[in-house]
């Protein structure tokens, strides 16, 4: 059992507040989250709760669709491929 704390954003007019309840995505020991109270997409180690990476480049992301070929697929105004290991934007 673990609990993880991440930075929350108080500004209510940002695009990330449009996120509905979004289920996390799990892949190979990592859980990917896109909470509404932060512009970040988070990758959290499933066994420890440690944040592996945080990506704020895709703040308008509304949905995490799944993973394929080493990438997290995120959608919002556009479709993005985010590298699973680094969190860097690979394609848009």
PDB file of N, CA and C in Angstrom:
ATOM      1  N   UNK A   1       0.843  -1.172   0.000  1.00  0.00           N
ATOM      2  CA  UNK A   1       0.000   0.000   0.000  1.00  0.00           C
ATOM      3  C   UNK A   1       0.889   1.236   0.000  1.00  0.00           C
ATOM      4  N   UNK A   2       0.534   2.221  -0.823  1.00  0.00           N
ATOM      5  CA  UNK A   2       1.296   3.458  -0.886  1.00  0.00           C
ATOM      6  C   UNK A   2       0.380   4.634  -1.179  1.00  0.00           C
ATOM      7  N   UNK A   3       0.884   5.806  -0.938  1.00  0.00           N
ATOM      8  CA  UNK A   3       0.185   7.054  -1.209  1.00  0.00           C
ATOM      9  C   UNK A   3       1.198   7.997  -1.845  1.00  0.00           C
ATOM     10  N   UNK A   4       0.801   8.661  -2.910  1.00  0.00           N
ATOM     11  CA  UNK A   4       1.704   9.573  -3.616  1.00  0.00           C
ATOM     12  C   UNK A   4       1.107  10.966  -3.644  1.00  0.00           C
ATOM     13  N   UNK A   5       1.945  11.961  -3.413  1.00  0.00           N
ATOM     14  CA  UNK A   5       1.540  13.355  -3.475  1.00  0.00           C
ATOM     15  C   UNK A   5       2.156  13.982  -4.720  1.00  0.00           C
ATOM     16  N   UNK A   6       1.359  14.764  -5.451  1.00  0.00           N
ATOM     17  CA  UNK A   6       1.860  15.456  -6.633  1.00  0.00           C
ATOM     18  C   UNK A   6       1.397  16.908  -6.551  1.00  0.00           C
ATOM     19  N   UNK A   7       2.085  17.827  -7.242  1.00  0.00           N
ATOM     20  CA  UNK A   7       1.696  19.237  -7.202  1.00  0.00           C
ATOM     21  C   UNK A   7       0.325  19.453  -7.845  1.00  0.00           C
ATOM     22  N   UNK A   8      -0.524  20.179  -7.164  1.00  0.00           N
ATOM     23  CA  UNK A   8      -1.861  20.498  -7.654  1.00  0.00           C
ATOM     24  C   UNK A   8      -1.893  21.950  -8.114  1.00  0.00           C
ATOM     25  N   UNK A   9      -2.749  22.255  -9.079  1.00  0.00           N
ATOM     26  CA  UNK A   9      -2.877  23.604  -9.625  1.00  0.00           C
ATOM     27  C   UNK A   9      -4.200  24.201  -9.162  1.00  0.00           C
ATOM     28  N   UNK A  10      -4.175  25.408  -8.674  1.00  0.00           N
ATOM     29  CA  UNK A  10      -5.382  26.044  -8.156  1.00  0.00           C
ATOM     30  C   UNK A  10      -6.155  26.848  -9.207  1.00  0.00           C
ATOM     31  N   UNK A  11      -5.509  27.157 -10.356  1.00  0.00           N
ATOM     32  CA  UNK A  11      -6.148  27.956 -11.391  1.00  0.00           C
ATOM     33  C   UNK A  11      -7.239  27.146 -12.076  1.00  0.00           C
ATOM     34  N   UNK A  12      -8.492  27.552 -11.922  1.00  0.00           N
ATOM     35  CA  UNK A  12      -9.629  26.770 -12.405  1.00  0.00           C
ATOM     36  C   UNK A  12      -9.952  26.964 -13.888  1.00  0.00           C
ATOM     37  N   UNK A  13      -9.359  27.921 -14.573  1.00  0.00           N
ATOM     38  CA  UNK A  13      -9.706  28.153 -15.976  1.00  0.00           C
ATOM     39  C   UNK A  13      -8.763  27.451 -16.952  1.00  0.00           C
ATOM     40  N   UNK A  14      -7.857  26.628 -16.460  1.00  0.00           N
ATOM     41  CA  UNK A  14      -6.917  25.920 -17.323  1.00  0.00           C
ATOM     42  C   UNK A  14      -7.592  24.726 -17.992  1.00  0.00           C
ATOM     43  N   UNK A  15      -7.056  24.306 -19.138  1.00  0.00           N
ATOM     44  CA  UNK A  15      -7.659  23.223 -19.933  1.00  0.00           C
ATOM     45  C   UNK A  15      -7.759  21.907 -19.178  1.00  0.00           C
ATOM     46  N   UNK A  16      -6.807  21.623 -18.309  1.00  0.00           N
ATOM     47  CA  UNK A  16      -6.821  20.335 -17.618  1.00  0.00           C
ATOM     48  C   UNK A  16      -8.009  20.170 -16.681  1.00  0.00           C
ATOM     49  N   UNK A  17      -8.662  21.250 -16.286  1.00  0.00           N
ATOM     50  CA  UNK A  17      -9.846  21.128 -15.426  1.00  0.00           C
ATOM     51  C   UNK A  17     -11.038  20.559 -16.199  1.00  0.00           C
ATOM     52  N   UNK A  18     -10.943  20.474 -17.525  1.00  0.00           N
ATOM     53  CA  UNK A  18     -12.015  19.885 -18.328  1.00  0.00           C
ATOM     54  C   UNK A  18     -11.968  18.349 -18.320  1.00  0.00           C
ATOM     55  N   UNK A  19     -10.916  17.791 -17.723  1.00  0.00           N
ATOM     56  CA  UNK A  19     -10.821  16.331 -17.645  1.00  0.00           C
ATOM     57  C   UNK A  19     -11.938  15.783 -16.766  1.00  0.00           C
ATOM     58  N   UNK A  20     -12.601  14.783 -17.277  1.00  0.00           N
ATOM     59  CA  UNK A  20     -13.612  14.082 -16.502  1.00  0.00           C
ATOM     60  C   UNK A  20     -12.889  13.017 -15.681  1.00  0.00           C
ATOM     61  N   UNK A  21     -13.635  12.221 -14.948  1.00  0.00           N
ATOM     62  CA  UNK A  21     -13.005  11.109 -14.256  1.00  0.00           C
ATOM     63  C   UNK A  21     -12.355  10.223 -15.301  1.00  0.00           C
ATOM     64  N   UNK A  22     -11.056  10.169 -15.282  1.00  0.00           N
ATOM     65  CA  UNK A  22     -10.307   9.435 -16.299  1.00  0.00           C
ATOM     66  C   UNK A  22      -9.615   8.248 -15.643  1.00  0.00           C
ATOM     67  N   UNK A  23      -9.926   7.051 -16.098  1.00  0.00           N
ATOM     68  CA  UNK A  23      -9.240   5.891 -15.511  1.00  0.00           C
ATOM     69  C   UNK A  23      -7.755   5.914 -15.843  1.00  0.00           C
ATOM     70  N   UNK A  24      -6.933   5.453 -14.929  1.00  0.00           N
ATOM     71  CA  UNK A  24      -5.503   5.369 -15.222  1.00  0.00           C
ATOM     72  C   UNK A  24      -5.236   4.255 -16.223  1.00  0.00           C
ATOM     73  N   UNK A  25      -4.049   4.275 -16.787  1.00  0.00           N
ATOM     74  CA  UNK A  25      -3.605   3.240 -17.721  1.00  0.00           C
ATOM     75  C   UNK A  25      -2.421   2.541 -17.073  1.00  0.00           C
ATOM     76  N   UNK A  26      -2.412   1.218 -17.108  1.00  0.00           N
ATOM     77  CA  UNK A  26      -1.319   0.427 -16.545  1.00  0.00           C
ATOM     78  C   UNK A  26      -0.535  -0.250 -17.666  1.00  0.00           C
ATOM     79  N   UNK A  27       0.797  -0.214 -17.546  1.00  0.00           N
ATOM     80  CA  UNK A  27       1.652  -0.921 -18.501  1.00  0.00           C
ATOM     81  C   UNK A  27       2.968  -1.279 -17.826  1.00  0.00           C
ATOM     82  N   UNK A  28       3.270  -2.564 -17.776  1.00  0.00           N
ATOM     83  CA  UNK A  28       4.578  -3.066 -17.330  1.00  0.00           C
ATOM     84  C   UNK A  28       5.072  -2.447 -16.018  1.00  0.00           C
ATOM     85  N   UNK A  29       4.223  -2.409 -14.997  1.00  0.00           N
ATOM     86  CA  UNK A  29       4.635  -1.923 -13.689  1.00  0.00           C
ATOM     87  C   UNK A  29       4.517  -0.432 -13.476  1.00  0.00           C
ATOM     88  N   UNK A  30       3.967   0.281 -14.435  1.00  0.00           N
ATOM     89  CA  UNK A  30       3.794   1.731 -14.313  1.00  0.00           C
ATOM     90  C   UNK A  30       2.325   2.082 -14.503  1.00  0.00           C
ATOM     91  N   UNK A  31       1.839   3.003 -13.672  1.00  0.00           N
ATOM     92  CA  UNK A  31       0.469   3.501 -13.785  1.00  0.00           C
ATOM     93  C   UNK A  31       0.548   4.939 -14.298  1.00  0.00           C
ATOM     94  N   UNK A  32      -0.216   5.232 -15.339  1.00  0.00           N
ATOM     95  CA  UNK A  32      -0.231   6.566 -15.940  1.00  0.00           C
ATOM     96  C   UNK A  32      -1.543   7.249 -15.576  1.00  0.00           C
ATOM     97  N   UNK A  33      -1.449   8.484 -15.063  1.00  0.00           N
ATOM     98  CA  UNK A  33      -2.605   9.240 -14.599  1.00  0.00           C
ATOM     99  C   UNK A  33      -2.672  10.587 -15.303  1.00  0.00           C
ATOM    100  N   UNK A  34      -3.882  11.107 -15.475  1.00  0.00           N
ATOM    101  CA  UNK A  34      -4.091  12.478 -15.951  1.00  0.00           C
ATOM    102  C   UNK A  34      -5.158  13.105 -15.049  1.00  0.00           C
ATOM    103  N   UNK A  35      -4.796  13.460 -13.795  1.00  0.00           N
ATOM    104  CA  UNK A  35      -5.774  14.042 -12.877  1.00  0.00           C
ATOM    105  C   UNK A  35      -6.195  15.450 -13.312  1.00  0.00           C
ATOM    106  N   UNK A  36      -7.402  15.838 -12.962  1.00  0.00           N
ATOM    107  CA  UNK A  36      -7.926  17.149 -13.361  1.00  0.00           C
ATOM    108  C   UNK A  36      -7.260  18.306 -12.621  1.00  0.00           C
ATOM    109  N   UNK A  37      -6.734  18.076 -11.438  1.00  0.00           N
ATOM    110  CA  UNK A  37      -6.201  19.181 -10.639  1.00  0.00           C
ATOM    111  C   UNK A  37      -4.729  19.497 -10.903  1.00  0.00           C
ATOM    112  N   UNK A  38      -4.198  18.977 -11.994  1.00  0.00           N
ATOM    113  CA  UNK A  38      -2.826  19.304 -12.382  1.00  0.00           C
ATOM    114  C   UNK A  38      -2.724  19.264 -13.910  1.00  0.00           C
ATOM    115  N   UNK A  39      -1.889  20.103 -14.506  1.00  0.00           N
ATOM    116  CA  UNK A  39      -1.705  20.030 -15.955  1.00  0.00           C
ATOM    117  C   UNK A  39      -0.853  18.832 -16.368  1.00  0.00           C
ATOM    118  N   UNK A  40      -0.267  18.151 -15.421  1.00  0.00           N
ATOM    119  CA  UNK A  40       0.671  17.073 -15.706  1.00  0.00           C
ATOM    120  C   UNK A  40      -0.015  15.744 -16.004  1.00  0.00           C
ATOM    121  N   UNK A  41       0.656  14.978 -16.828  1.00  0.00           N
ATOM    122  CA  UNK A  41       0.393  13.551 -16.945  1.00  0.00           C
ATOM    123  C   UNK A  41       1.491  12.900 -16.123  1.00  0.00           C
ATOM    124  N   UNK A  42       1.120  11.972 -15.255  1.00  0.00           N
ATOM    125  CA  UNK A  42       2.065  11.375 -14.321  1.00  0.00           C
ATOM    126  C   UNK A  42       2.267   9.900 -14.608  1.00  0.00           C
ATOM    127  N   UNK A  43       3.502   9.452 -14.477  1.00  0.00           N
ATOM    128  CA  UNK A  43       3.836   8.032 -14.532  1.00  0.00           C
ATOM    129  C   UNK A  43       4.309   7.644 -13.140  1.00  0.00           C
ATOM    130  N   UNK A  44       3.611   6.689 -12.532  1.00  0.00           N
ATOM    131  CA  UNK A  44       3.903   6.295 -11.156  1.00  0.00           C
ATOM    132  C   UNK A  44       4.251   4.817 -11.112  1.00  0.00           C
ATOM    133  N   UNK A  45       5.343   4.491 -10.440  1.00  0.00           N
ATOM    134  CA  UNK A  45       5.761   3.104 -10.247  1.00  0.00           C
ATOM    135  C   UNK A  45       4.702   2.386  -9.422  1.00  0.00           C
ATOM    136  N   UNK A  46       4.117   1.327  -9.997  1.00  0.00           N
ATOM    137  CA  UNK A  46       2.993   0.638  -9.354  1.00  0.00           C
ATOM    138  C   UNK A  46       3.374  -0.009  -8.027  1.00  0.00           C
ATOM    139  N   UNK A  47       4.584  -0.486  -7.886  1.00  0.00           N
ATOM    140  CA  UNK A  47       4.980  -1.174  -6.663  1.00  0.00           C
ATOM    141  C   UNK A  47       5.327  -0.263  -5.514  1.00  0.00           C
ATOM    142  N   UNK A  48       5.781   0.967  -5.809  1.00  0.00           N
ATOM    143  CA  UNK A  48       6.279   1.851  -4.751  1.00  0.00           C
ATOM    144  C   UNK A  48       5.524   3.168  -4.620  1.00  0.00           C
ATOM    145  N   UNK A  49       4.832   3.602  -5.675  1.00  0.00           N
ATOM    146  CA  UNK A  49       4.170   4.900  -5.661  1.00  0.00           C
ATOM    147  C   UNK A  49       5.086   6.047  -6.042  1.00  0.00           C
ATOM    148  N   UNK A  50       6.316   5.734  -6.401  1.00  0.00           N
ATOM    149  CA  UNK A  50       7.279   6.768  -6.789  1.00  0.00           C
ATOM    150  C   UNK A  50       6.902   7.338  -8.157  1.00  0.00           C
ATOM    151  N   UNK A  51       6.947   8.668  -8.275  1.00  0.00           N
ATOM    152  CA  UNK A  51       6.685   9.316  -9.561  1.00  0.00           C
ATOM    153  C   UNK A  51       7.909   9.125 -10.451  1.00  0.00           C
ATOM    154  N   UNK A  52       7.715   8.435 -11.582  1.00  0.00           N
ATOM    155  CA  UNK A  52       8.809   8.178 -12.522  1.00  0.00           C
ATOM    156  C   UNK A  52       9.053   9.385 -13.401  1.00  0.00           C
ATOM    157  N   UNK A  53       7.978  10.007 -13.893  1.00  0.00           N
ATOM    158  CA  UNK A  53       8.090  11.228 -14.666  1.00  0.00           C
ATOM    159  C   UNK A  53       6.766  11.981 -14.643  1.00  0.00           C
ATOM    160  N   UNK A  54       6.862  13.237 -15.019  1.00  0.00           N
ATOM    161  CA  UNK A  54       5.706  14.119 -15.103  1.00  0.00           C
ATOM    162  C   UNK A  54       5.847  14.937 -16.374  1.00  0.00           C
ATOM    163  N   UNK A  55       4.782  15.006 -17.169  1.00  0.00           N
ATOM    164  CA  UNK A  55       4.825  15.730 -18.435  1.00  0.00           C
ATOM    165  C   UNK A  55       3.745  16.810 -18.413  1.00  0.00           C
ATOM    166  N   UNK A  56       4.159  18.069 -18.533  1.00  0.00           N
ATOM    167  CA  UNK A  56       3.194  19.178 -18.582  1.00  0.00           C
ATOM    168  C   UNK A  56       3.063  19.748 -19.987  1.00  0.00           C
ATOM    169  N   UNK A  57       3.747  19.143 -20.967  1.00  0.00           N
ATOM    170  CA  UNK A  57       3.647  19.612 -22.357  1.00  0.00           C
ATOM    171  C   UNK A  57       2.270  19.330 -22.946  1.00  0.00           C
ATOM    172  N   UNK A  58       1.565  18.375 -22.383  1.00  0.00           N
ATOM    173  CA  UNK A  58       0.268  17.965 -22.921  1.00  0.00           C
ATOM    174  C   UNK A  58      -0.846  18.327 -21.940  1.00  0.00           C
ATOM    175  N   UNK A  59      -0.827  19.560 -21.448  1.00  0.00           N
ATOM    176  CA  UNK A  59      -1.766  19.994 -20.413  1.00  0.00           C
ATOM    177  C   UNK A  59      -3.220  19.939 -20.859  1.00  0.00           C
ATOM    178  N   UNK A  60      -3.482  20.001 -22.162  1.00  0.00           N
ATOM    179  CA  UNK A  60      -4.865  19.947 -22.634  1.00  0.00           C
ATOM    180  C   UNK A  60      -5.360  18.513 -22.842  1.00  0.00           C
ATOM    181  N   UNK A  61      -4.572  17.529 -22.415  1.00  0.00           N
ATOM    182  CA  UNK A  61      -4.986  16.127 -22.532  1.00  0.00           C
ATOM    183  C   UNK A  61      -6.242  15.881 -21.711  1.00  0.00           C
ATOM    184  N   UNK A  62      -7.217  15.220 -22.330  1.00  0.00           N
ATOM    185  CA  UNK A  62      -8.453  14.871 -21.642  1.00  0.00           C
ATOM    186  C   UNK A  62      -8.548  13.380 -21.348  1.00  0.00           C
ATOM    187  N   UNK A  63      -7.934  12.553 -22.202  1.00  0.00           N
ATOM    188  CA  UNK A  63      -8.068  11.103 -22.066  1.00  0.00           C
ATOM    189  C   UNK A  63      -6.742  10.403 -22.311  1.00  0.00           C
ATOM    190  N   UNK A  64      -6.490   9.373 -21.531  1.00  0.00           N
ATOM    191  CA  UNK A  64      -5.389   8.457 -21.791  1.00  0.00           C
ATOM    192  C   UNK A  64      -6.017   7.204 -22.373  1.00  0.00           C
ATOM    193  N   UNK A  65      -5.665   6.875 -23.601  1.00  0.00           N
ATOM    194  CA  UNK A  65      -6.331   5.778 -24.296  1.00  0.00           C
ATOM    195  C   UNK A  65      -5.682   4.423 -24.062  1.00  0.00           C
ATOM    196  N   UNK A  66      -4.380   4.389 -23.904  1.00  0.00           N
ATOM    197  CA  UNK A  66      -3.684   3.123 -23.724  1.00  0.00           C
ATOM    198  C   UNK A  66      -2.239   3.264 -24.149  1.00  0.00           C
ATOM    199  N   UNK A  67      -1.567   2.127 -24.260  1.00  0.00           N
ATOM    200  CA  UNK A  67      -0.167   2.135 -24.672  1.00  0.00           C
ATOM    201  C   UNK A  67       0.016   1.243 -25.895  1.00  0.00           C
ATOM    202  N   UNK A  68       0.989   1.601 -26.710  1.00  0.00           N
ATOM    203  CA  UNK A  68       1.341   0.812 -27.889  1.00  0.00           C
ATOM    204  C   UNK A  68       2.778   1.146 -28.277  1.00  0.00           C
ATOM    205  N   UNK A  69       3.547   0.118 -28.573  1.00  0.00           N
ATOM    206  CA  UNK A  69       4.906   0.278 -29.098  1.00  0.00           C
ATOM    207  C   UNK A  69       5.749   1.268 -28.286  1.00  0.00           C
ATOM    208  N   UNK A  70       5.692   1.176 -26.959  1.00  0.00           N
ATOM    209  CA  UNK A  70       6.517   2.029 -26.110  1.00  0.00           C
ATOM    210  C   UNK A  70       6.010   3.441 -25.915  1.00  0.00           C
ATOM    211  N   UNK A  71       4.742   3.682 -26.253  1.00  0.00           N
ATOM    212  CA  UNK A  71       4.179   5.029 -26.134  1.00  0.00           C
ATOM    213  C   UNK A  71       2.826   5.010 -25.434  1.00  0.00           C
ATOM    214  N   UNK A  72       2.565   6.059 -24.679  1.00  0.00           N
ATOM    215  CA  UNK A  72       1.258   6.321 -24.091  1.00  0.00           C
ATOM    216  C   UNK A  72       0.491   7.182 -25.085  1.00  0.00           C
ATOM    217  N   UNK A  73      -0.735   6.796 -25.413  1.00  0.00           N
ATOM    218  CA  UNK A  73      -1.549   7.569 -26.351  1.00  0.00           C
ATOM    219  C   UNK A  73      -2.490   8.450 -25.537  1.00  0.00           C
ATOM    220  N   UNK A  74      -2.374   9.758 -25.728  1.00  0.00           N
ATOM    221  CA  UNK A  74      -3.164  10.747 -25.002  1.00  0.00           C
ATOM    222  C   UNK A  74      -3.904  11.624 -26.000  1.00  0.00           C
ATOM    223  N   UNK A  75      -5.157  11.953 -25.693  1.00  0.00           N
ATOM    224  CA  UNK A  75      -5.932  12.795 -26.602  1.00  0.00           C
ATOM    225  C   UNK A  75      -6.505  13.991 -25.859  1.00  0.00           C
ATOM    226  N   UNK A  76      -6.785  15.006 -26.631  1.00  0.00           N
ATOM    227  CA  UNK A  76      -7.383  16.254 -26.173  1.00  0.00           C
ATOM    228  C   UNK A  76      -7.739  17.003 -27.434  1.00  0.00           C
ATOM    229  N   UNK A  77      -7.110  18.130 -27.656  1.00  0.00           N
ATOM    230  CA  UNK A  77      -7.287  18.841 -28.925  1.00  0.00           C
ATOM    231  C   UNK A  77      -6.550  18.147 -30.056  1.00  0.00           C
ATOM    232  N   UNK A  78      -5.618  17.290 -29.683  1.00  0.00           N
ATOM    233  CA  UNK A  78      -4.815  16.542 -30.647  1.00  0.00           C
ATOM    234  C   UNK A  78      -4.505  15.164 -30.065  1.00  0.00           C
ATOM    235  N   UNK A  79      -3.942  14.298 -30.875  1.00  0.00           N
ATOM    236  CA  UNK A  79      -3.501  12.989 -30.411  1.00  0.00           C
ATOM    237  C   UNK A  79      -2.001  13.066 -30.199  1.00  0.00           C
ATOM    238  N   UNK A  80      -1.550  12.563 -29.055  1.00  0.00           N
ATOM    239  CA  UNK A  80      -0.124  12.616 -28.732  1.00  0.00           C
ATOM    240  C   UNK A  80       0.384  11.226 -28.384  1.00  0.00           C
ATOM    241  N   UNK A  81       1.639  10.952 -28.768  1.00  0.00           N
ATOM    242  CA  UNK A  81       2.355   9.749 -28.377  1.00  0.00           C
ATOM    243  C   UNK A  81       3.424  10.213 -27.401  1.00  0.00           C
ATOM    244  N   UNK A  82       3.372   9.704 -26.188  1.00  0.00           N
ATOM    245  CA  UNK A  82       4.327  10.090 -25.149  1.00  0.00           C
ATOM    246  C   UNK A  82       5.190   8.873 -24.824  1.00  0.00           C
ATOM    247  N   UNK A  83       6.499   9.049 -24.841  1.00  0.00           N
ATOM    248  CA  UNK A  83       7.420   7.955 -24.572  1.00  0.00           C
ATOM    249  C   UNK A  83       7.195   7.414 -23.158  1.00  0.00           C
ATOM    250  N   UNK A  84       6.994   6.102 -23.041  1.00  0.00           N
ATOM    251  CA  UNK A  84       6.709   5.488 -21.741  1.00  0.00           C
ATOM    252  C   UNK A  84       7.860   5.593 -20.762  1.00  0.00           C
ATOM    253  N   UNK A  85       9.093   5.561 -21.240  1.00  0.00           N
ATOM    254  CA  UNK A  85      10.260   5.575 -20.354  1.00  0.00           C
ATOM    255  C   UNK A  85      10.627   6.969 -19.862  1.00  0.00           C
ATOM    256  N   UNK A  86      10.511   7.962 -20.750  1.00  0.00           N
ATOM    257  CA  UNK A  86      11.007   9.300 -20.421  1.00  0.00           C
ATOM    258  C   UNK A  86       9.910  10.325 -20.165  1.00  0.00           C
ATOM    259  N   UNK A  87       8.705  10.073 -20.699  1.00  0.00           N
ATOM    260  CA  UNK A  87       7.631  11.053 -20.584  1.00  0.00           C
ATOM    261  C   UNK A  87       7.698  12.151 -21.624  1.00  0.00           C
ATOM    262  N   UNK A  88       8.668  12.072 -22.499  1.00  0.00           N
ATOM    263  CA  UNK A  88       8.810  13.111 -23.539  1.00  0.00           C
ATOM    264  C   UNK A  88       7.801  12.900 -24.655  1.00  0.00           C
ATOM    265  N   UNK A  89       7.360  13.999 -25.217  1.00  0.00           N
ATOM    266  CA  UNK A  89       6.455  13.965 -26.338  1.00  0.00           C
ATOM    267  C   UNK A  89       7.193  13.422 -27.563  1.00  0.00           C
ATOM    268  N   UNK A  90       6.717  12.306 -28.113  1.00  0.00           N
ATOM    269  CA  UNK A  90       7.392  11.684 -29.241  1.00  0.00           C
ATOM    270  C   UNK A  90       6.765  12.090 -30.561  1.00  0.00           C
ATOM    271  N   UNK A  91       5.453  12.251 -30.574  1.00  0.00           N
ATOM    272  CA  UNK A  91       4.731  12.568 -31.811  1.00  0.00           C
ATOM    273  C   UNK A  91       3.446  13.286 -31.441  1.00  0.00           C
ATOM    274  N   UNK A  92       2.982  14.125 -32.351  1.00  0.00           N
ATOM    275  CA  UNK A  92       1.725  14.860 -32.125  1.00  0.00           C
ATOM    276  C   UNK A  92       0.992  14.991 -33.422  1.00  0.00           C
TER     277      UNK A  92
END
